[in-house]
Protein backbone atom coordinates (compact mmCIF):
# COMPACT_ATOMS: atom_id res chain seq x y z
CA MET A 1 0.60 9.67 -0.43
CA ASP A 2 3.30 9.40 2.88
CA SER A 3 0.54 7.73 4.65
CA MET A 4 2.37 5.34 7.21
CA PRO A 5 2.36 7.70 9.91
CA ILE A 6 -1.36 7.86 9.86
CA ARG A 7 -1.41 4.18 9.33
CA SER A 8 0.04 3.52 12.79
CA ASN A 9 -2.22 6.46 14.23
CA GLY A 10 -5.23 4.66 13.17
CA PHE A 11 -3.84 1.12 14.17
CA GLY A 12 -2.92 2.66 17.83
CA ALA A 13 -6.72 4.27 17.91
CA VAL A 14 -8.41 1.28 16.99
CA LEU A 15 -6.16 -1.21 19.89
CA LYS A 16 -6.31 1.26 21.94
CA ASP A 17 -7.81 -0.72 24.89
CA TYR A 18 -5.70 -3.69 24.45
CA PRO A 19 -2.00 -3.76 26.13
CA GLN A 20 0.26 -1.52 24.83
CA GLU A 21 3.16 -3.51 24.75
CA GLN A 22 1.24 -6.01 22.26
CA VAL A 23 0.57 -2.89 20.30
CA GLN A 24 3.71 -1.66 19.93
CA GLU A 25 4.59 -5.38 18.76
CA LEU A 26 2.33 -4.71 16.36
CA MET A 27 3.81 -1.42 15.10
CA ASP A 28 7.04 -2.56 14.93
CA PHE A 29 5.34 -5.04 12.23
CA HIS A 30 3.41 -2.63 10.51
CA ASN A 31 6.55 -0.82 9.94
CA LEU A 32 8.81 -3.64 8.31
CA ASN A 33 5.59 -4.21 6.59
CA GLY A 34 3.98 -1.16 5.27
CA GLY A 35 2.87 -2.86 2.32
CA LEU A 36 0.84 -5.66 4.04
CA SER A 37 -2.69 -5.49 4.52
CA ARG A 38 -4.81 -4.47 7.27
CA TYR A 39 -6.38 -7.49 7.28
CA VAL A 40 -2.89 -9.59 7.87
CA LYS A 41 -1.85 -7.02 10.33
CA PHE A 42 -5.02 -7.30 12.62
CA ARG A 43 -4.91 -11.50 12.16
CA TYR A 44 -0.92 -11.11 13.20
CA PHE A 45 -2.27 -8.95 16.26
CA PHE A 46 -4.68 -11.41 17.25
CA GLU A 47 -3.34 -14.51 16.65
CA THR A 48 0.43 -14.48 16.49
CA ILE A 49 0.81 -11.46 19.47
CA ARG A 50 -1.99 -12.31 21.61
CA GLY A 51 -1.88 -15.89 20.93
CA GLU A 52 -6.16 -15.94 20.31
CA SER A 53 -8.02 -16.79 17.25
CA ILE A 54 -10.23 -13.85 15.59
CA THR A 55 -13.24 -14.49 13.32
CA GLU A 56 -13.36 -13.22 9.73
CA GLU A 57 -16.54 -10.49 11.16
CA GLY A 58 -13.91 -9.77 13.93
CA VAL A 59 -11.27 -9.00 11.61
CA GLN A 60 -13.92 -7.21 8.99
CA ALA A 61 -14.98 -5.08 12.22
CA LEU A 62 -11.61 -3.82 13.24
CA ALA A 63 -10.81 -3.08 9.29
CA ASN A 64 -14.06 -0.86 9.36
CA SER A 65 -13.17 0.89 12.55
CA PHE A 66 -9.60 1.59 10.52
CA SER A 67 -10.91 2.54 7.33
CA GLU A 68 -13.25 5.20 9.14
CA ILE A 69 -10.19 6.64 10.96
CA MET A 70 -8.39 6.50 7.79
CA LEU A 71 -11.08 8.09 4.98
CA ALA A 72 -11.33 11.14 7.55
CA SER A 73 -7.17 11.56 7.86
CA LEU A 74 -6.44 10.54 4.38
CA ILE A 75 -8.20 12.72 2.04
CA ASN A 76 -5.95 15.44 2.09
CA GLU A 77 -4.05 17.20 -0.42
CA ASP A 78 -0.94 17.87 2.16
CA LEU A 79 -0.34 14.45 2.56
CA LEU A 80 0.05 13.92 -1.39
CA ILE A 81 4.28 13.18 -2.59
CA LYS A 82 4.34 16.27 -4.62
CA ASP A 83 6.98 14.79 -7.16
CA ALA A 84 5.00 11.94 -7.65
CA VAL A 85 1.67 13.44 -8.86
CA ARG A 86 3.88 15.40 -10.76
CA PHE A 87 5.48 12.49 -12.80
CA ILE A 88 1.69 11.04 -12.15
CA GLU A 89 0.35 13.98 -14.43
CA THR A 90 3.09 14.60 -16.58
CA ASN A 91 3.27 10.78 -17.79
CA TRP A 92 -0.60 9.52 -17.67
CA GLN A 93 -1.05 9.72 -21.21
CA LYS A 94 2.14 8.27 -22.40
CA TYR A 95 2.27 4.93 -19.67
CA GLU A 96 -0.61 2.95 -18.84
CA MET A 97 -0.41 3.35 -14.95
CA HIS A 98 -2.64 1.21 -12.23
CA ILE A 99 -2.74 1.20 -8.40
CA VAL A 100 -2.05 -1.67 -6.84
CA SER A 101 -1.89 -1.34 -3.03
CA GLY A 102 -2.24 -2.88 0.76
CA SER A 103 -4.59 -0.75 1.79
CA ASP A 104 -8.01 -1.29 1.33
CA GLY A 105 -9.34 -1.08 -2.42
CA VAL A 106 -13.08 0.32 -1.64
CA GLU A 107 -11.53 2.96 0.75
CA LEU A 108 -8.45 3.61 -1.87
CA ASN A 109 -10.94 4.51 -4.57
CA LYS A 110 -12.55 6.77 -2.32
CA ILE A 111 -9.63 8.98 -1.64
CA CYS A 112 -8.31 8.70 -5.02
CA ASN A 113 -12.11 10.38 -6.04
CA ALA A 114 -12.04 12.87 -3.34
CA LEU A 115 -8.14 14.28 -4.14
CA ASP A 116 -9.58 13.93 -8.26
CA LEU A 117 -6.53 11.38 -8.98
CA ASN A 118 -8.71 8.45 -10.12
CA LEU A 119 -8.83 9.77 -13.92
CA TYR A 120 -4.96 8.78 -13.79
CA PHE A 121 -4.96 4.86 -13.61
CA LYS A 122 -6.58 2.54 -15.60
CA THR A 123 -7.60 0.67 -12.32
CA ILE A 124 -7.03 1.12 -8.76
CA ASN A 125 -6.77 -1.93 -6.77
CA GLY A 126 -6.44 -2.94 -2.92
CA SER A 127 -7.27 -5.28 -0.23
CA PRO A 128 -8.38 -7.79 1.05
CA THR A 129 -6.58 -9.40 -1.90
CA PRO A 130 -2.95 -9.73 -1.30
CA LYS A 131 -0.60 -7.50 -3.55
CA LYS A 132 1.44 -10.22 -5.59
CA GLU A 133 -2.16 -11.39 -6.58
CA LEU A 134 -3.68 -8.03 -7.52
CA VAL A 135 -0.58 -7.54 -9.96
CA LYS A 136 -0.84 -10.82 -11.44
CA LYS A 137 -4.63 -9.92 -12.44
CA VAL A 138 -3.51 -6.74 -14.02
CA ILE A 139 -1.03 -8.29 -16.05
CA GLU A 140 -3.25 -10.79 -17.25
CA GLN A 141 -6.08 -9.00 -17.71
CA TYR A 142 -4.49 -6.03 -19.82
CA LYS A 143 -2.44 -8.62 -21.59
CA TYR A 144 0.99 -6.96 -20.36
CA ASN A 145 4.53 -8.03 -21.94
CA LYS A 146 6.20 -8.59 -18.54
CA THR A 147 9.32 -7.28 -19.85
CA ASP A 148 7.62 -3.44 -20.48
CA VAL A 149 6.03 -3.14 -16.36
CA VAL A 150 7.32 -1.90 -14.12
CA LEU A 151 6.39 -1.99 -10.08
CA ILE A 152 6.98 1.29 -8.24
CA GLY A 153 7.05 1.10 -4.81
CA ASP A 154 8.26 1.98 -1.14
CA SER A 155 7.98 -1.64 0.79
CA ILE A 156 9.15 -5.07 0.82
CA ASN A 157 5.77 -5.82 -0.29
CA ASP A 158 6.26 -4.24 -3.09
CA LEU A 159 9.45 -6.13 -4.42
CA GLU A 160 8.59 -9.40 -3.03
CA ALA A 161 5.13 -8.42 -6.05
CA ALA A 162 7.26 -8.06 -8.07
CA GLU A 163 9.63 -10.55 -7.99
CA VAL A 164 7.18 -13.42 -8.00
CA ASN A 165 5.42 -11.82 -10.94
CA ASN A 166 9.07 -11.36 -12.43
CA ILE A 167 8.55 -7.75 -13.47
CA SER A 168 11.10 -5.04 -13.26
CA PHE A 169 11.20 -3.03 -9.74
CA ILE A 170 11.91 0.86 -9.02
CA GLY A 171 12.41 1.16 -4.95
CA TYR A 172 11.28 4.44 -3.77
CA ASN A 173 12.76 6.54 -1.27
CA ASN A 174 13.57 3.14 1.03
CA THR A 175 16.91 2.02 0.47
CA SER A 176 16.95 -1.22 2.26
CA LEU A 177 14.53 -2.86 -0.51
CA ILE A 178 17.53 -2.37 -2.95
CA ALA A 179 20.48 -4.37 -3.88
CA ASP A 180 21.48 -2.50 -6.75
CA GLU A 181 21.19 1.65 -6.81
CA SER A 182 20.16 1.84 -10.29
CA ASN A 183 16.97 0.57 -8.99
CA TYR A 184 16.42 3.14 -6.76
CA ILE A 185 14.91 6.50 -6.84
CA THR A 186 14.06 9.02 -3.71
CA SER A 187 12.39 11.91 -6.01
CA PHE A 188 10.08 11.02 -9.30
CA SER A 189 11.55 14.05 -10.57
CA SER A 190 14.90 11.88 -11.14
CA PHE A 191 13.02 9.08 -12.52
CA LYS A 192 13.84 8.48 -16.86
């Protein structure tokens, strides 16, 4: 799903009462770190950009407001990346597939259920647990041989999760992630 513009709007809406230049600084961080969870981004906003502390309860309240906006906006088939969905529908019985995301896990499951995507995946996992930990947990829980596992992603955090877990990575729609062009795809219809 191409959700980055909607997520950007969500951060802007949740933080609308703060100085615009600070919110823009968060947007720059958000765009560079698309795969990081909102929990990390809200902490970054307060602790790094604003130089003030924030409680876990404060982060959770912001994340809850953000989630309401996301659920209202992301349950939309028009946002699905069509070739990715075709690849999943065509191959879900051939490969064991999991979702591991920086998005909130509860929200992600609601979105996948509403869009009838949940049946294609063995598990759907998201934040607040960091992505690299989620990937490790899936590998261990299903006793996967790491040489048989590939993480397909579009953010630096996806690449880092693959590297930390010593698994293959294929970059999707973000050439800045890949030094080796053979590990990059722009379309799932070209994925072999």
